[in-house]
Amino acid sequence: MNAVQGIVFDLDGTLIDSALDFDLIRHDMGLPFGRPILEALAEVPEGIEKDRMRAVLRSHELAGADRAFLFPGVSEMLALLRDERIPTAILTRNSRESTDRVLTRLGLQFDQVLTREDAPPKPDPTGLITICERWRFSPAAVPFCGDYRFDLEAGRAAGMPTILYAPSNLPDYTALADHVLPCFTRFPTLWPLLNGIEERTNAKAI
């Protein structure tokens, strides 16, 4: 029997690459360099300027959805999880509109999909807790996989095992991850570790 009851993924930068240029988005929105976009936008008063900024963000996200592609090994990983009858979910900071567009375009299906319209954006853990509650699963049995600090912080705050997708150099927040996955083609090697079938060695990376 699998110890893992379900699994949640971030979307952009984890399962797909939409080549979003966040510095360009900030520039076009008129935001300071390095400022988290959604948090900065939330501080802008309602009005013409905020509507303009929302339109800029929407344009970038939809363009990203139209050019996005799957990272290597994602299709095979999702097939493995279907074979194991493990429910899957998405928690993303992207909009519902752009998320639905890219999932439809790439033919991806998940049991739950939560966007920034459905829950406070990560690193707030509310979306992850909501997913687990809907499944009636313990968070400890539902790993969360993402590529950024906010994903790992949200997962830890929700009491979930965390998987860092890191296809290149390890970032400075790697210590927040329980496991590191450099490529989804290696997910079959990670799967027994997640289920406690094999003991981890002294390295996090698979």
Protein backbone atom coordinates (compact mmCIF):
# COMPACT_ATOMS: atom_id res chain seq x y z
CA MET A 1 0.00 0.00 0.00
CA ASN A 2 1.28 3.45 -0.89
CA ALA A 3 2.07 5.86 1.93
CA VAL A 4 1.34 8.66 -0.54
CA GLN A 5 -2.41 9.21 -0.86
CA GLY A 6 -2.31 12.17 -3.25
CA ILE A 7 0.18 14.62 -4.71
CA VAL A 8 0.01 18.33 -5.47
CA PHE A 9 2.07 20.24 -8.02
CA ASP A 10 2.87 23.83 -8.74
CA LEU A 11 2.30 24.48 -12.45
CA ASP A 12 4.50 27.08 -14.14
CA GLY A 13 8.19 26.40 -13.70
CA THR A 14 7.44 22.95 -12.32
CA LEU A 15 5.36 20.92 -14.78
CA ILE A 16 5.45 23.41 -17.62
CA ASP A 17 7.72 26.13 -18.96
CA SER A 18 5.83 29.18 -20.17
CA ALA A 19 8.98 31.32 -20.33
CA LEU A 20 7.42 34.10 -18.29
CA ASP A 21 9.86 36.97 -17.81
CA PHE A 22 8.93 38.22 -14.35
CA ASP A 23 11.32 41.16 -14.51
CA LEU A 24 9.67 42.27 -17.75
CA ILE A 25 6.23 41.84 -16.19
CA ARG A 26 7.28 44.01 -13.26
CA HIS A 27 8.69 46.60 -15.65
CA ASP A 28 5.50 46.71 -17.73
CA MET A 29 3.36 46.90 -14.59
CA GLY A 30 5.55 49.61 -13.07
CA LEU A 31 6.64 47.52 -10.08
CA PRO A 32 10.03 47.58 -8.33
CA PHE A 33 12.62 44.99 -9.31
CA GLY A 34 12.36 41.81 -7.24
CA ARG A 35 9.00 42.64 -5.67
CA PRO A 36 6.55 39.71 -5.63
CA ILE A 37 3.99 40.63 -8.29
CA LEU A 38 0.73 39.52 -6.69
CA GLU A 39 1.61 40.97 -3.30
CA ALA A 40 2.59 44.29 -4.87
CA LEU A 41 -0.57 44.40 -6.97
CA ALA A 42 -2.72 43.76 -3.90
CA GLU A 43 -1.36 46.96 -2.33
CA VAL A 44 -2.44 49.16 -5.27
CA PRO A 45 -5.77 50.94 -4.70
CA GLU A 46 -8.65 50.01 -6.98
CA GLY A 47 -8.90 52.28 -9.98
CA ILE A 48 -7.65 52.92 -13.49
CA GLU A 49 -4.00 52.19 -12.69
CA LYS A 50 -4.75 48.88 -11.01
CA ASP A 51 -6.95 47.88 -13.93
CA ARG A 52 -4.06 48.67 -16.29
CA MET A 53 -1.67 46.58 -14.21
CA ARG A 54 -4.10 43.67 -14.16
CA ALA A 55 -4.42 43.87 -17.94
CA VAL A 56 -0.64 43.78 -18.34
CA LEU A 57 -0.36 40.73 -16.10
CA ARG A 58 -3.22 39.00 -17.93
CA SER A 59 -1.58 39.63 -21.30
CA HIS A 60 1.72 38.14 -20.17
CA GLU A 61 0.08 35.11 -18.54
CA LEU A 62 -2.07 34.29 -21.56
CA ALA A 63 0.90 34.64 -23.90
CA GLY A 64 2.80 32.26 -21.63
CA ALA A 65 -0.07 29.78 -21.68
CA ASP A 66 -0.04 29.82 -25.48
CA ARG A 67 3.67 29.00 -25.76
CA ALA A 68 4.07 26.69 -22.73
CA PHE A 69 5.43 23.18 -23.05
CA LEU A 70 5.82 20.24 -20.68
CA PHE A 71 9.13 19.53 -19.04
CA PRO A 72 10.69 16.15 -19.94
CA GLY A 73 9.24 13.22 -18.05
CA VAL A 74 6.05 14.96 -16.88
CA SER A 75 3.70 12.92 -19.08
CA GLU A 76 5.29 9.67 -17.98
CA MET A 77 5.17 10.70 -14.32
CA LEU A 78 1.47 11.56 -14.52
CA ALA A 79 0.82 8.22 -16.22
CA LEU A 80 2.63 6.44 -13.39
CA LEU A 81 0.46 8.23 -10.83
CA ARG A 82 -2.69 7.29 -12.75
CA ASP A 83 -1.55 3.65 -12.80
CA GLU A 84 -1.02 3.86 -9.03
CA ARG A 85 -4.47 5.48 -8.67
CA ILE A 86 -2.98 8.48 -6.91
CA PRO A 87 -5.12 11.63 -7.19
CA THR A 88 -3.31 14.73 -8.39
CA ALA A 89 -3.88 18.44 -7.94
CA ILE A 90 -2.50 21.79 -9.04
CA LEU A 91 -1.99 24.83 -6.80
CA THR A 92 -0.77 27.83 -8.78
CA ARG A 93 -0.35 31.57 -8.35
CA ASN A 94 -1.50 31.95 -11.96
CA SER A 95 -4.99 33.05 -12.95
CA ARG A 96 -7.84 30.65 -13.60
CA GLU A 97 -8.07 31.87 -17.19
CA SER A 98 -4.44 31.22 -18.06
CA THR A 99 -4.35 27.96 -16.10
CA ASP A 100 -7.41 26.52 -17.85
CA ARG A 101 -6.02 27.61 -21.20
CA VAL A 102 -2.69 25.86 -20.76
CA LEU A 103 -4.16 22.69 -19.25
CA THR A 104 -6.61 22.39 -22.14
CA ARG A 105 -3.95 23.15 -24.72
CA LEU A 106 -1.55 20.54 -23.33
CA GLY A 107 -4.25 17.96 -22.60
CA LEU A 108 -3.57 17.81 -18.86
CA GLN A 109 -6.16 16.69 -16.33
CA PHE A 110 -6.01 16.87 -12.55
CA ASP A 111 -8.50 15.97 -9.84
CA GLN A 112 -8.29 19.46 -8.33
CA VAL A 113 -7.00 22.75 -9.72
CA LEU A 114 -6.75 25.79 -7.45
CA THR A 115 -5.62 29.18 -8.75
CA ARG A 116 -5.16 32.58 -7.15
CA GLU A 117 -8.91 33.17 -7.48
CA ASP A 118 -9.59 30.12 -5.31
CA ALA A 119 -7.18 30.64 -2.41
CA PRO A 120 -4.63 33.16 -1.12
CA PRO A 121 -1.43 32.85 -3.18
CA LYS A 122 1.48 30.81 -1.94
CA PRO A 123 3.37 30.93 0.40
CA ASP A 124 0.02 31.01 2.21
CA PRO A 125 -0.77 27.32 2.84
CA THR A 126 -4.57 27.71 2.64
CA GLY A 127 -4.83 26.27 -0.87
CA LEU A 128 -2.87 23.17 0.08
CA ILE A 129 -4.90 22.64 3.23
CA THR A 130 -8.09 23.03 1.19
CA ILE A 131 -6.96 20.37 -1.29
CA CYS A 132 -6.15 17.90 1.49
CA GLU A 133 -9.45 18.59 3.25
CA ARG A 134 -11.43 17.99 0.05
CA TRP A 135 -9.65 14.67 -0.38
CA ARG A 136 -9.94 13.92 3.35
CA PHE A 137 -6.26 13.04 3.34
CA SER A 138 -3.70 13.87 6.00
CA PRO A 139 -1.26 16.52 4.70
CA ALA A 140 1.57 14.23 5.79
CA ALA A 141 0.44 11.78 3.07
CA VAL A 142 0.27 14.41 0.30
CA PRO A 143 3.62 15.67 -1.04
CA PHE A 144 3.79 19.07 -2.71
CA CYS A 145 6.19 19.60 -5.59
CA GLY A 146 7.30 23.04 -6.75
CA ASP A 147 10.27 24.96 -8.05
CA TYR A 148 10.30 28.09 -5.89
CA ARG A 149 10.73 29.15 -2.27
CA PHE A 150 7.03 30.01 -1.94
CA ASP A 151 6.11 26.42 -2.85
CA LEU A 152 8.36 24.91 -0.22
CA GLU A 153 7.29 27.42 2.45
CA ALA A 154 3.63 26.72 1.74
CA GLY A 155 4.15 22.96 1.82
CA ARG A 156 6.00 23.05 5.11
CA ALA A 157 3.40 25.36 6.65
CA ALA A 158 0.67 22.90 5.58
CA GLY A 159 2.56 19.96 7.13
CA MET A 160 3.22 18.30 3.76
CA PRO A 161 6.39 16.60 2.46
CA THR A 162 8.10 18.97 0.03
CA ILE A 163 9.73 18.18 -3.30
CA LEU A 164 11.90 20.78 -4.99
CA TYR A 165 12.04 20.58 -8.78
CA ALA A 166 15.52 21.94 -9.54
CA PRO A 167 16.68 21.21 -13.09
CA SER A 168 19.81 23.36 -12.80
CA ASN A 169 21.77 24.77 -9.85
CA LEU A 170 20.35 24.21 -6.38
CA PRO A 171 18.86 27.45 -4.98
CA ASP A 172 19.55 28.88 -1.54
CA TYR A 173 16.19 27.60 -0.27
CA THR A 174 16.96 23.94 -1.02
CA ALA A 175 17.08 23.19 2.72
CA LEU A 176 13.29 23.67 2.81
CA ALA A 177 12.85 20.59 0.61
CA ASP A 178 12.54 17.01 1.83
CA HIS A 179 13.48 15.76 -1.63
CA VAL A 180 15.12 17.31 -4.68
CA LEU A 181 14.12 16.22 -8.17
CA PRO A 182 16.37 17.42 -11.01
CA CYS A 183 14.21 15.91 -13.76
CA PHE A 184 10.82 14.20 -13.89
CA THR A 185 12.38 11.31 -15.79
CA ARG A 186 13.82 10.38 -12.37
CA PHE A 187 10.44 10.37 -10.63
CA PRO A 188 10.23 6.53 -10.68
CA THR A 189 13.34 6.54 -8.50
CA LEU A 190 11.79 9.05 -6.10
CA TRP A 191 8.46 7.24 -5.87
CA PRO A 192 9.65 4.39 -3.56
CA LEU A 193 11.32 6.96 -1.30
CA LEU A 194 8.12 8.95 -0.98
CA ASN A 195 6.32 5.78 0.02
CA GLY A 196 8.95 4.73 2.55
CA ILE A 197 9.78 1.60 0.57
CA GLU A 198 13.42 2.59 0.33
CA GLU A 199 15.48 4.56 2.80
CA ARG A 200 17.09 7.74 1.56
CA THR A 201 20.84 7.89 1.40
CA ASN A 202 22.70 10.92 2.72
CA ALA A 203 21.75 12.96 -0.38
CA LYS A 204 18.42 14.62 -0.99
CA ALA A 205 18.80 14.69 -4.75
CA ILE A 206 17.60 11.77 -6.85
